Amino acid sequence: MDKIRIRGGRPLHGSIPISGAKNAALPLMAASLLSDETLTLSNLPQLADIQTMSRLLAQHGVDLHLNGADPASATGGRVLELNASGIDNTTAPYDLVRKMRASVLVLGPLVARHGKAAVSLPGGCAIGTRPVDLHIDGLKALGAEIDLREGYIHASAPNGLTGAHVVFPKVSVGATENMLMAASLAKGETVLLNAAREPEVEDLAACLVAMGAKIEGIGTDRVTIQGVDALHGARHQVVADRIETGTYAMAAAATGGEVELVGGRLDLIEAVGTGLQAAGVELSHTETGFKVSRANGPLTGVDVMTEPFPGFPTDLQAQTMALMTTAEGASMITETIFENRFMHVPELARMGANITVHGASALVRGVPRLTGAPVMATDLRASVSLVIAGLVAEGETVLNRVYHLDRGYERLEQKLAGCGADIERVADDA
C-alpha cells in the first residue's frame, strides 16, 4: 500500500486546476439509468469512486465509453458517455456497494424505470451511521414496496411510482438526489420538502431538466417534480468541486503562499470564504477562477459550525481544523452533520497540535509550529487535513492509508508539487 511523504515548510505558489466534483459526478452517472438514450458527462474527475460507480453501472448493463479529456475544460476533465438501453440486471451487489456509499443512488432510478431493484446496504467512510432510512421512506411514499433482508434493500413498483409529498425530517443530500431521480419518472406530481440545496443537488437537477424532466424550485428546500413518461439523452458538464476548492484554498493559506485556483468558484463556498477572510486570508477573483493568499501577518483563530448548504460544509471541517492548528488564539469547531468525524484529532496531536474535544465540538489552541510525524488516514477528508498539516510542519510527515485520498482527490501530489510542495507518493517498503 502506498504512502505519501511530505517535507513541510514550503509556501505554495502557482496555480491549481480544480476538478469536477466527485459528489456531483456520482449521482449524475446514476441518472443515466433513467433513459435508454446516451448521457454524456464532461469535466469528469479521475478518481477511485468514479471507477467504482463505473463498475457498478457496467454490471447493471450500462454501456460506458470514456473519450479522454474534454478540450473545452481548462482543468482537464474527462468525457464519459453512458447508455443504459440494455439494462439486464437490477441488483447492486455487496462487493461493489460496500466500497462507496453513493452506490445507493442507483436505487431510485432502477425502481423508477425498471420497477424493481435490490441494492446492498452501502459502505463508505466510517464517519457515522448515515442511515438510508430517508431513501427508503421516500420511495415508500412514491408507492414502492420495500423489504430489507440479507443485507439488501429489495424495492419493487411493478406498476410504476406515483407522485407524492415527501417531507424529509432532516436535510439529506443523497435522499434528495434519489427522490429527484425517482420522481422524474413517477406518475403525477411530487413535492420534496426540506430538500437539500447543495450545488451538487442543483447540478443533478439541471442535468435531469436537460434530459426532459420537469422540475421547479431548484436550489430551494421545496422542489416540485412533474413526472414524465421517459427521459432522453443529454450532454452535461459536471460542476466544479467546491470541497477540493476549499481544501486547496486552506493549503495555500496554511503555508503562507499565493495560489490561483483555476476553475474554482467562490460562489460555491461563500460560508468558507467568509471564515477564511475572518482568519486573515485574502480572496480575489481572477479571469479563470480566484486567487488565495494570506493577508498581512499570521492567521487568526475563527469559530466554525458545520451546517447543510449554504452553511459551512462538513467535508471541509477537518481541513479547517488543520488550518487553525497554527493560527493565533483559539478556535471552536463544532460538527453537527456526522458523529465520529473528529478521528483526525489524535493524528494532528501527534504532530504537536493542541486540540481538546468536548462532544461535538473541538477547541483548537494555535501552536507556533507543527512537527512532522508518521500519521494514518481514517477517512477521505481527514486524510487531506493531515496533508495540509504536513505542508506546514517542520520535518517529514508520512501519511499512511492513502487509498482514502484517491477516492476524492485527483492527482493531489502532482497539483501540490506543481506549486512547490515537497511531496511524493512512495511504495510501502520505501
Protein backbone atom coordinates (compact mmCIF):
# COMPACT_ATOMS: atom_id res chain seq x y z
CA MET A 1 0.00 0.00 0.00
CA ASP A 2 1.36 3.43 -0.97
CA LYS A 3 2.23 6.24 1.41
CA ILE A 4 2.64 9.95 0.90
CA ARG A 5 5.80 11.63 2.16
CA ILE A 6 5.81 15.38 2.79
CA ARG A 7 8.65 17.65 3.85
CA GLY A 8 6.96 20.76 5.14
CA GLY A 9 7.80 24.43 5.42
CA ARG A 10 7.40 25.49 1.79
CA PRO A 11 4.80 28.14 0.90
CA LEU A 12 2.67 27.17 -2.09
CA HIS A 13 2.97 29.42 -5.15
CA GLY A 14 1.41 28.89 -8.56
CA SER A 15 -1.91 27.62 -9.89
CA ILE A 16 -4.00 24.53 -9.23
CA PRO A 17 -6.73 23.30 -11.59
CA ILE A 18 -9.98 22.43 -9.81
CA SER A 19 -11.52 19.17 -10.99
CA GLY A 20 -15.16 18.32 -11.49
CA ALA A 21 -16.98 17.48 -8.27
CA LYS A 22 -16.98 13.83 -7.23
CA ASN A 23 -20.14 14.38 -5.20
CA ALA A 24 -21.88 15.72 -8.31
CA ALA A 25 -20.46 13.21 -10.78
CA LEU A 26 -21.64 10.11 -8.91
CA PRO A 27 -25.39 10.94 -8.92
CA LEU A 28 -25.06 12.23 -12.48
CA MET A 29 -23.69 8.85 -13.53
CA ALA A 30 -26.57 7.10 -11.75
CA ALA A 31 -29.01 9.34 -13.66
CA SER A 32 -28.01 7.53 -16.86
CA LEU A 33 -30.17 4.63 -15.63
CA LEU A 34 -33.28 6.77 -16.20
CA SER A 35 -33.04 6.80 -20.00
CA ASP A 36 -32.40 4.44 -22.88
CA GLU A 37 -30.54 7.24 -24.68
CA THR A 38 -26.94 8.34 -24.17
CA LEU A 39 -25.99 10.71 -21.36
CA THR A 40 -22.67 12.45 -21.96
CA LEU A 41 -20.87 13.90 -18.95
CA SER A 42 -17.88 16.22 -19.30
CA ASN A 43 -15.41 17.59 -16.74
CA LEU A 44 -15.45 14.20 -15.01
CA PRO A 45 -12.69 13.71 -12.40
CA GLN A 46 -10.42 10.67 -12.44
CA LEU A 47 -10.98 9.11 -9.03
CA ALA A 48 -11.37 5.72 -7.38
CA ASP A 49 -15.03 6.41 -6.57
CA ILE A 50 -15.75 7.21 -10.23
CA GLN A 51 -14.20 3.88 -11.21
CA THR A 52 -16.31 2.08 -8.59
CA MET A 53 -19.51 3.69 -9.89
CA SER A 54 -18.48 2.81 -13.44
CA ARG A 55 -18.06 -0.84 -12.48
CA LEU A 56 -21.40 -0.82 -10.68
CA LEU A 57 -23.24 0.65 -13.66
CA ALA A 58 -21.47 -1.69 -16.08
CA GLN A 59 -22.66 -4.75 -14.17
CA HIS A 60 -26.21 -3.38 -14.42
CA GLY A 61 -25.75 -3.36 -18.20
CA VAL A 62 -24.82 0.28 -18.83
CA ASP A 63 -22.51 0.77 -21.81
CA LEU A 64 -19.74 3.23 -20.87
CA HIS A 65 -17.29 4.93 -23.23
CA LEU A 66 -14.51 7.16 -21.90
CA ASN A 67 -13.48 9.69 -24.53
CA GLY A 68 -10.43 11.25 -22.92
CA ALA A 69 -10.00 14.85 -21.84
CA ASP A 70 -12.61 17.46 -22.62
CA PRO A 71 -10.99 20.02 -24.96
CA ALA A 72 -13.33 22.70 -23.58
CA SER A 73 -12.23 22.08 -19.99
CA ALA A 74 -9.47 24.27 -18.56
CA THR A 75 -8.95 21.71 -15.80
CA GLY A 76 -8.52 18.61 -17.97
CA GLY A 77 -11.75 16.86 -17.03
CA ARG A 78 -12.70 13.75 -18.98
CA VAL A 79 -15.74 12.97 -21.12
CA LEU A 80 -17.83 9.88 -20.37
CA GLU A 81 -20.73 8.53 -22.43
CA LEU A 82 -23.25 6.30 -20.66
CA ASN A 83 -26.02 4.37 -22.39
CA ALA A 84 -28.47 2.35 -20.28
CA SER A 85 -30.62 0.96 -23.10
CA GLY A 86 -29.51 -2.59 -22.34
CA ILE A 87 -30.10 -2.94 -18.57
CA ASP A 88 -30.15 -6.66 -17.79
CA ASN A 89 -29.53 -6.67 -14.03
CA THR A 90 -31.23 -4.66 -11.27
CA THR A 91 -29.10 -5.94 -8.38
CA ALA A 92 -26.32 -3.79 -6.91
CA PRO A 93 -24.05 -6.33 -5.17
CA TYR A 94 -22.37 -6.03 -1.80
CA ASP A 95 -18.84 -6.36 -3.19
CA LEU A 96 -19.22 -3.07 -5.09
CA VAL A 97 -21.65 -1.15 -2.88
CA ARG A 98 -19.60 -1.69 0.29
CA LYS A 99 -16.76 0.35 -1.22
CA MET A 100 -18.77 3.52 -1.70
CA ARG A 101 -21.85 4.91 -0.03
CA ALA A 102 -23.04 6.74 -3.18
CA SER A 103 -23.84 3.35 -4.72
CA VAL A 104 -27.28 3.59 -3.09
CA LEU A 105 -28.09 6.26 -5.69
CA VAL A 106 -28.90 3.55 -8.24
CA LEU A 107 -31.90 2.54 -6.12
CA GLY A 108 -34.31 5.30 -7.17
CA PRO A 109 -33.54 5.22 -10.91
CA LEU A 110 -33.75 1.41 -11.14
CA VAL A 111 -37.13 1.26 -9.38
CA ALA A 112 -38.49 4.20 -11.37
CA ARG A 113 -37.57 2.84 -14.79
CA HIS A 114 -37.49 -0.92 -14.28
CA GLY A 115 -39.94 -1.42 -11.44
CA LYS A 116 -37.54 -3.22 -9.15
CA ALA A 117 -34.11 -3.13 -7.56
CA ALA A 118 -32.05 -4.98 -4.99
CA VAL A 119 -29.30 -2.79 -3.56
CA SER A 120 -26.88 -3.82 -0.85
CA LEU A 121 -26.78 -1.63 2.22
CA PRO A 122 -23.91 0.79 1.47
CA GLY A 123 -20.43 1.38 2.85
CA GLY A 124 -18.06 4.37 2.53
CA CYS A 125 -16.12 6.38 5.10
CA ALA A 126 -16.55 5.39 8.75
CA ILE A 127 -17.76 8.81 9.90
CA GLY A 128 -21.06 7.87 11.46
CA THR A 129 -24.13 5.75 10.85
CA ARG A 130 -25.54 7.74 7.90
CA PRO A 131 -28.64 5.50 7.62
CA VAL A 132 -30.56 5.03 4.37
CA ASP A 133 -33.96 5.27 6.04
CA LEU A 134 -34.73 8.58 4.31
CA HIS A 135 -34.14 6.97 0.90
CA ILE A 136 -36.41 4.08 1.84
CA ASP A 137 -39.16 6.25 3.32
CA GLY A 138 -39.12 8.46 0.24
CA LEU A 139 -39.57 5.54 -2.14
CA LYS A 140 -42.33 4.13 0.06
CA ALA A 141 -44.12 7.49 -0.23
CA LEU A 142 -43.95 7.12 -4.01
CA GLY A 143 -45.60 3.71 -3.76
CA ALA A 144 -42.64 1.32 -3.77
CA GLU A 145 -42.76 -1.80 -1.64
CA ILE A 146 -39.59 -2.21 0.41
CA ASP A 147 -38.22 -5.34 2.05
CA LEU A 148 -34.95 -5.38 3.97
CA ARG A 149 -33.42 -8.84 4.09
CA GLU A 150 -29.99 -10.47 3.95
CA GLY A 151 -28.26 -7.08 3.90
CA TYR A 152 -30.13 -5.83 0.82
CA ILE A 153 -32.82 -3.25 0.12
CA HIS A 154 -35.38 -5.01 -2.09
CA ALA A 155 -37.67 -2.45 -3.72
CA SER A 156 -40.48 -3.09 -6.19
CA ALA A 157 -43.05 -0.97 -8.02
CA PRO A 158 -44.33 -3.18 -10.87
CA ASN A 159 -46.96 -0.60 -11.87
CA GLY A 160 -44.60 2.33 -11.59
CA LEU A 161 -44.16 5.03 -8.97
CA THR A 162 -46.76 7.67 -8.15
CA GLY A 163 -46.10 11.27 -7.16
CA ALA A 164 -46.48 12.27 -3.52
CA HIS A 165 -45.45 14.84 -0.91
CA VAL A 166 -42.17 13.76 0.66
CA VAL A 167 -41.12 15.59 3.82
CA PHE A 168 -37.54 14.93 4.88
CA PRO A 169 -37.24 15.04 8.70
CA LYS A 170 -33.67 16.25 8.22
CA VAL A 171 -31.69 17.51 5.28
CA SER A 172 -30.17 14.65 3.28
CA VAL A 173 -28.25 15.19 0.05
CA GLY A 174 -28.35 11.55 -1.01
CA ALA A 175 -32.04 11.06 -0.26
CA THR A 176 -32.91 14.27 -2.10
CA GLU A 177 -30.94 13.09 -5.12
CA ASN A 178 -32.56 9.65 -5.09
CA MET A 179 -36.04 11.17 -4.89
CA LEU A 180 -35.29 13.69 -7.64
CA MET A 181 -34.38 10.86 -9.98
CA ALA A 182 -37.20 8.53 -8.96
CA ALA A 183 -39.87 11.27 -9.13
CA SER A 184 -38.79 12.29 -12.63
CA LEU A 185 -40.45 9.13 -13.98
CA ALA A 186 -43.26 8.86 -11.40
CA LYS A 187 -46.89 9.43 -12.40
CA GLY A 188 -48.12 12.86 -11.39
CA GLU A 189 -46.61 15.49 -9.12
CA THR A 190 -44.03 15.00 -6.39
CA VAL A 191 -43.15 17.71 -3.88
CA LEU A 192 -39.93 17.40 -1.86
CA LEU A 193 -39.98 19.44 1.35
CA ASN A 194 -36.85 20.22 3.38
CA ALA A 195 -34.86 19.17 0.32
CA ALA A 196 -31.08 19.57 0.26
CA ARG A 197 -29.86 22.69 -1.56
CA GLU A 198 -26.22 21.72 -2.14
CA PRO A 199 -24.68 22.72 -5.50
CA GLU A 200 -24.32 19.02 -6.34
CA VAL A 201 -28.10 18.60 -5.97
CA GLU A 202 -28.65 21.63 -8.21
CA ASP A 203 -26.25 20.13 -10.74
CA LEU A 204 -28.19 16.86 -10.83
CA ALA A 205 -31.50 18.70 -11.20
CA ALA A 206 -30.09 20.76 -14.08
CA CYS A 207 -28.95 17.58 -15.83
CA LEU A 208 -32.35 15.94 -15.32
CA VAL A 209 -34.05 19.00 -16.83
CA ALA A 210 -31.71 18.73 -19.82
CA MET A 211 -32.87 15.11 -20.13
CA GLY A 212 -36.52 16.23 -20.23
CA ALA A 213 -37.52 16.21 -16.55
CA LYS A 214 -39.92 18.90 -15.29
CA ILE A 215 -38.50 20.32 -12.06
CA GLU A 216 -39.27 23.60 -10.31
CA GLY A 217 -37.70 25.09 -7.19
CA ILE A 218 -34.14 24.01 -7.97
CA GLY A 219 -31.82 25.40 -5.31
CA THR A 220 -34.59 25.79 -2.72
CA ASP A 221 -35.82 23.50 0.04
CA ARG A 222 -39.14 22.95 -1.76
CA VAL A 223 -38.76 21.15 -5.09
CA THR A 224 -41.67 20.16 -7.34
CA ILE A 225 -41.33 17.44 -9.97
CA GLN A 226 -43.93 16.67 -12.62
CA GLY A 227 -43.32 13.09 -13.73
CA VAL A 228 -42.81 12.33 -17.41
CA ASP A 229 -43.11 9.07 -19.33
CA ALA A 230 -39.47 8.96 -20.42
CA LEU A 231 -36.24 10.92 -20.32
CA HIS A 232 -33.96 11.42 -23.30
CA GLY A 233 -30.21 11.78 -23.69
CA ALA A 234 -28.30 14.95 -22.91
CA ARG A 235 -24.86 16.46 -22.51
CA HIS A 236 -23.90 17.95 -19.16
CA GLN A 237 -20.75 19.43 -17.62
CA VAL A 238 -20.00 18.43 -14.02
CA VAL A 239 -19.85 21.41 -11.66
CA ALA A 240 -16.50 22.38 -10.11
CA ASP A 241 -15.59 20.59 -6.88
CA ARG A 242 -16.24 23.05 -4.05
CA ILE A 243 -14.61 20.73 -1.49
CA GLU A 244 -11.41 20.47 -3.50
CA THR A 245 -11.59 24.24 -3.97
CA GLY A 246 -11.83 24.85 -0.23
CA THR A 247 -9.14 22.29 0.52
CA TYR A 248 -6.53 23.91 -1.70
CA ALA A 249 -7.53 27.38 -0.52
CA MET A 250 -6.75 26.26 3.03
CA ALA A 251 -3.49 24.64 1.96
CA ALA A 252 -2.37 27.91 0.36
CA ALA A 253 -3.40 29.91 3.43
CA ALA A 254 -1.80 27.49 5.88
CA THR A 255 1.58 27.63 4.13
CA GLY A 256 1.50 31.41 3.69
CA GLY A 257 1.64 31.13 -0.08
CA GLU A 258 -0.33 32.50 -3.01
CA VAL A 259 -2.23 30.18 -5.33
CA GLU A 260 -4.73 30.69 -8.14
CA LEU A 261 -7.46 28.06 -8.16
CA VAL A 262 -8.28 27.67 -11.85
CA GLY A 263 -11.93 26.79 -12.34
CA GLY A 264 -12.68 27.35 -8.67
CA ARG A 265 -15.89 29.19 -7.81
CA LEU A 266 -16.16 31.38 -4.73
CA ASP A 267 -19.96 31.42 -5.00
CA LEU A 268 -19.98 27.71 -4.15
CA ILE A 269 -18.06 28.23 -0.88
CA GLU A 270 -19.39 31.53 0.42
CA ALA A 271 -19.53 30.38 4.06
CA VAL A 272 -15.99 29.04 3.78
CA GLY A 273 -14.78 32.24 2.14
CA THR A 274 -16.26 34.32 4.95
CA GLY A 275 -14.46 32.19 7.53
CA LEU A 276 -11.17 32.36 5.66
CA GLN A 277 -11.32 36.12 5.34
CA ALA A 278 -12.08 36.44 9.06
CA ALA A 279 -8.96 34.34 9.72
CA GLY A 280 -6.79 36.68 7.67
CA VAL A 281 -6.92 35.11 4.20
CA GLU A 282 -7.26 37.25 1.10
CA LEU A 283 -9.50 36.02 -1.73
CA SER A 284 -9.65 37.80 -5.09
CA HIS A 285 -11.37 36.92 -8.36
CA THR A 286 -9.32 36.24 -11.49
CA GLU A 287 -10.32 35.67 -15.12
CA THR A 288 -10.13 31.90 -14.70
CA GLY A 289 -11.01 31.38 -11.02
CA PHE A 290 -9.80 33.12 -7.89
CA LYS A 291 -6.57 33.72 -6.00
CA VAL A 292 -5.83 32.80 -2.39
CA SER A 293 -3.13 34.44 -0.28
CA ARG A 294 -2.52 35.18 3.35
CA ALA A 295 -3.18 38.79 4.26
CA ASN A 296 -0.73 40.71 6.44
CA GLY A 297 0.62 38.73 9.38
CA PRO A 298 -0.32 35.37 10.89
CA LEU A 299 -3.71 33.71 10.74
CA THR A 300 -6.26 34.33 13.48
CA GLY A 301 -8.41 31.63 15.03
CA VAL A 302 -12.08 31.57 13.97
CA ASP A 303 -15.06 29.53 15.14
CA VAL A 304 -16.78 27.19 12.68
CA MET A 305 -20.00 25.17 12.85
CA THR A 306 -20.86 22.72 10.07
CA GLU A 307 -24.34 23.01 8.60
CA PRO A 308 -26.23 21.96 5.47
CA PHE A 309 -25.67 24.21 2.45
CA PRO A 310 -25.41 27.18 2.32
CA GLY A 311 -23.75 26.73 5.71
CA PHE A 312 -20.17 25.59 6.34
CA PRO A 313 -19.70 22.13 4.73
CA THR A 314 -18.87 19.16 6.93
CA ASP A 315 -16.49 17.97 4.22
CA LEU A 316 -14.22 20.94 4.99
CA GLN A 317 -14.28 20.63 8.76
CA ALA A 318 -11.09 18.56 9.08
CA GLN A 319 -9.16 20.83 6.71
CA THR A 320 -10.26 23.87 8.71
CA MET A 321 -9.01 22.24 11.88
CA ALA A 322 -5.60 21.68 10.28
CA LEU A 323 -5.54 25.33 9.22
CA MET A 324 -6.36 26.52 12.73
CA THR A 325 -3.65 24.45 14.45
CA THR A 326 -1.05 27.18 13.83
CA ALA A 327 -3.35 30.22 13.91
CA GLU A 328 -3.06 32.76 16.71
CA GLY A 329 -5.58 32.32 19.51
CA ALA A 330 -8.24 29.63 19.79
CA SER A 331 -10.89 28.20 17.51
CA MET A 332 -14.04 26.26 18.33
CA ILE A 333 -15.03 23.81 15.62
CA THR A 334 -18.46 22.21 16.01
CA GLU A 335 -19.65 19.26 13.90
CA THR A 336 -23.43 18.99 13.53
CA ILE A 337 -23.75 16.71 10.50
CA PHE A 338 -21.89 13.48 11.31
CA GLU A 339 -20.81 11.85 14.52
CA ASN A 340 -17.34 10.25 14.67
CA ARG A 341 -15.89 12.96 12.46
CA PHE A 342 -13.04 14.00 14.75
CA MET A 343 -10.91 10.92 14.11
CA HIS A 344 -8.17 13.14 12.66
CA VAL A 345 -7.67 14.85 16.04
CA PRO A 346 -5.30 12.22 17.53
CA GLU A 347 -3.22 12.28 14.33
CA LEU A 348 -2.95 16.08 14.36
CA ALA A 349 -1.98 15.84 18.04
CA ARG A 350 0.90 13.54 17.05
CA MET A 351 2.22 16.48 15.04
CA GLY A 352 2.01 18.85 18.02
CA ALA A 353 -1.49 20.30 17.61
CA ASN A 354 -3.30 21.37 20.78
CA ILE A 355 -6.88 20.16 20.39
CA THR A 356 -9.43 19.25 23.05
CA VAL A 357 -12.66 17.52 22.06
CA HIS A 358 -15.87 18.16 24.01
CA GLY A 359 -18.65 16.06 22.49
CA ALA A 360 -19.48 17.54 19.08
CA SER A 361 -17.02 20.44 19.47
CA ALA A 362 -13.26 20.67 19.30
CA LEU A 363 -11.29 23.51 20.88
CA VAL A 364 -8.15 24.23 18.86
CA ARG A 365 -5.49 26.34 20.53
CA GLY A 366 -2.97 27.56 17.99
CA VAL A 367 0.65 26.50 18.45
CA PRO A 368 3.76 28.17 16.97
CA ARG A 369 4.62 25.17 14.82
CA LEU A 370 3.77 21.58 13.94
CA THR A 371 6.35 18.81 13.68
CA GLY A 372 6.37 16.09 11.05
CA ALA A 373 5.38 12.58 12.15
CA PRO A 374 4.05 9.31 10.78
CA VAL A 375 0.25 9.60 10.68
CA MET A 376 -2.67 7.47 9.47
CA ALA A 377 -5.68 8.50 7.43
CA THR A 378 -9.05 7.44 8.84
CA ASP A 379 -11.37 8.79 6.14
CA LEU A 380 -11.27 10.88 2.97
CA ARG A 381 -11.39 14.40 4.39
CA ALA A 382 -9.37 13.53 7.49
CA SER A 383 -6.58 12.28 5.24
CA VAL A 384 -6.27 15.55 3.34
CA SER A 385 -6.28 17.53 6.60
CA LEU A 386 -3.12 15.62 7.50
CA VAL A 387 -1.62 16.60 4.14
CA ILE A 388 -2.27 20.27 4.97
CA ALA A 389 -0.68 19.79 8.38
CA GLY A 390 2.29 18.09 6.76
CA LEU A 391 2.77 21.01 4.37
CA VAL A 392 3.27 23.44 7.29
CA ALA A 393 5.08 21.11 9.70
CA GLU A 394 8.80 21.13 10.32
CA GLY A 395 10.47 17.96 9.10
CA GLU A 396 8.96 14.92 7.41
CA THR A 397 5.39 13.65 7.59
CA VAL A 398 4.47 10.22 6.26
CA LEU A 399 0.77 9.61 5.61
CA ASN A 400 -0.39 6.01 5.65
CA ARG A 401 -3.59 4.50 4.15
CA VAL A 402 -3.68 7.00 1.28
CA TYR A 403 -6.34 5.00 -0.59
CA HIS A 404 -8.81 7.30 1.16
CA LEU A 405 -7.29 10.25 -0.70
CA ASP A 406 -7.59 8.51 -4.05
CA ARG A 407 -11.35 8.30 -3.57
CA GLY A 408 -11.80 12.06 -3.66
CA TYR A 409 -8.72 14.00 -4.80
CA GLU A 410 -7.44 13.80 -8.36
CA ARG A 411 -3.64 13.98 -8.76
CA LEU A 412 -3.22 15.60 -5.35
CA GLU A 413 0.54 15.14 -5.13
CA GLN A 414 1.10 16.49 -8.65
CA LYS A 415 -1.11 19.53 -8.06
CA LEU A 416 0.68 20.42 -4.82
CA ALA A 417 4.16 19.65 -6.17
CA GLY A 418 3.40 21.95 -9.10
CA CYS A 419 3.13 24.78 -6.56
CA GLY A 420 6.42 23.97 -4.87
CA ALA A 421 5.42 21.45 -2.23
CA ASP A 422 7.96 18.75 -1.37
CA ILE A 423 5.53 15.84 -1.63
CA GLU A 424 5.74 12.39 -3.19
CA ARG A 425 3.99 9.07 -3.24
CA VAL A 426 6.18 6.17 -2.19
CA ALA A 427 5.73 2.42 -2.03
CA ASP A 428 5.03 0.91 1.37
CA ASP A 429 8.54 -0.54 1.64
CA ALA A 430 10.31 2.68 0.64
